[in-house]
Amino acid sequence: MKISSALVAASLFLAINFALPASTTMGRKADAPPPNQDLIQRSLASAKDQLDQAFAKQTEASAKPIVMIGSSLIIAPLWSADVKNGHCHVDSLQHHRSIHLETLLHKQNDARPAISLATAGQFVSDTYLITEKYLKGPTKPDVLIYGIAPRDFMDDTTGGLALTSVFDGLVTLEDYPRIAPLFFTSFNEKADFVLNRTVFLYRKRGRYQVKVNEAIEKASQKVVARLVHTAGKAGESVVASSDSQAPGGFLLGGDRKDIWAKSVEEYARRYKHYNLEQFQKQKQCLAALIDLCKERDIKLYVVAMPLTRDNTALMPAGFFKDYLAALDETTRSKNVPLIDLVRNGKYVDDDFYDTVHLTFSGGEKFLTMVADLVKPADAEAKKQIAGTKKLDL
């Protein structure tokens, strides 16, 4: 019987697609990380491990961990404040706690650990996915601090919501019915997702994006790089192991004017065009995140992270105004606290490493604010436990 060349080609194509995924898992230990993870996916997996460990240590008598989430604008203050105080021994992308915040809480007789699920380049949509996947059941916190910024809504140097490392690492085909209304608006987007999750070779066509992401992630690492150098100039004791030097060159010095100028160049590219469609989708994801936290009884605080005037001056016409309006309208309509550090934070340029990321001085201001923010809720809980009258907030 004559077999058509098209049938042979199709058979070979299917065989390869079944064989290649299997070959990537052969010989791999059960507890080993999945192959081909990029830096962001490895960082998030490490954060999830710390989250699990923190909840595993929880007892009935102890309160749940405080969880923080966001982009490198959250990573920078947490990492730099800990470095300044000699507590950080790892690369910033693998630093998923805030020992400085825990110290501040301890002074308030609050023993809660502080865990960070922040990742470099995290969009609002990524925050929604991480919360949906990780903050539930036995690892559901009472409090979630979300540090948000304009770039989390729109970035001209990246693709769509479904093209991020977080999306690629967390979303499976089974998630489609739940996430489709938020992430996909066209038939092509829906078809692309299905093909990515069912055809191995089709998905690998996008591996170049991982390489681009890794380049961006390394640049994001440099965002908090040289903070140790700054802390050292301030006469602080810095403790760092050799491991902290390897991944991103985090002990490098540098000229601040040069760093600032490069930040201006970088964000000029990120803000080059106002992608209104991307912005509107991310706004919907913020609303969905708030609804998800309410559904799971998680107290959400949305914190508009401080920015420099040099950064906001780079934004296209209308973008910054729309960003602030989106935060105001969404949080007000859903009765969620908005802590506006852009308009009310009283940060100065010396609190910033570059035009957006806080150095150790800004980090200490930020974490002091967080400690004060969660204090009333904690005080109320203690009074309720003690059987006293409920505190009116």
Foldseek 3Di string as FASTA:
>chain_A
DDDDPVVVVVVVQVVCQVPVVVVQCPPPDPPDDRPPQFLQLVLLVLLLVVLVVQLVPDDPPAAEAEEEEEAVLLLQLQQQQCQLQANDAAQSSNDFFRVVLCVLLVVVVHNHTYTYSYYHPAALLLVLLCCVPRQDDSSPHQAYEYADELLSQFFLVDDFPCLDSSNVNRDAPVCCVVCVVLGDDDPVVVVLVVCLRPGPVSVCVCSVVSVVVNVVRLVSSCQNAQLSVVSVVVVGDGHYDPNRCPPRNRNDHDDLVVQQVVVLVNLLNGQVDDPPVSNVSSLVSNLVSLVVCVVRNHQYEYEHAAFAPSNVVSHPPPSVVVVVVSVVVSCVVSVHHYHYCHVPVPDDPVQGSYGRHGRNVVSSSVSNVVSVVCSVVVVQVVCVVVVHDGDDD
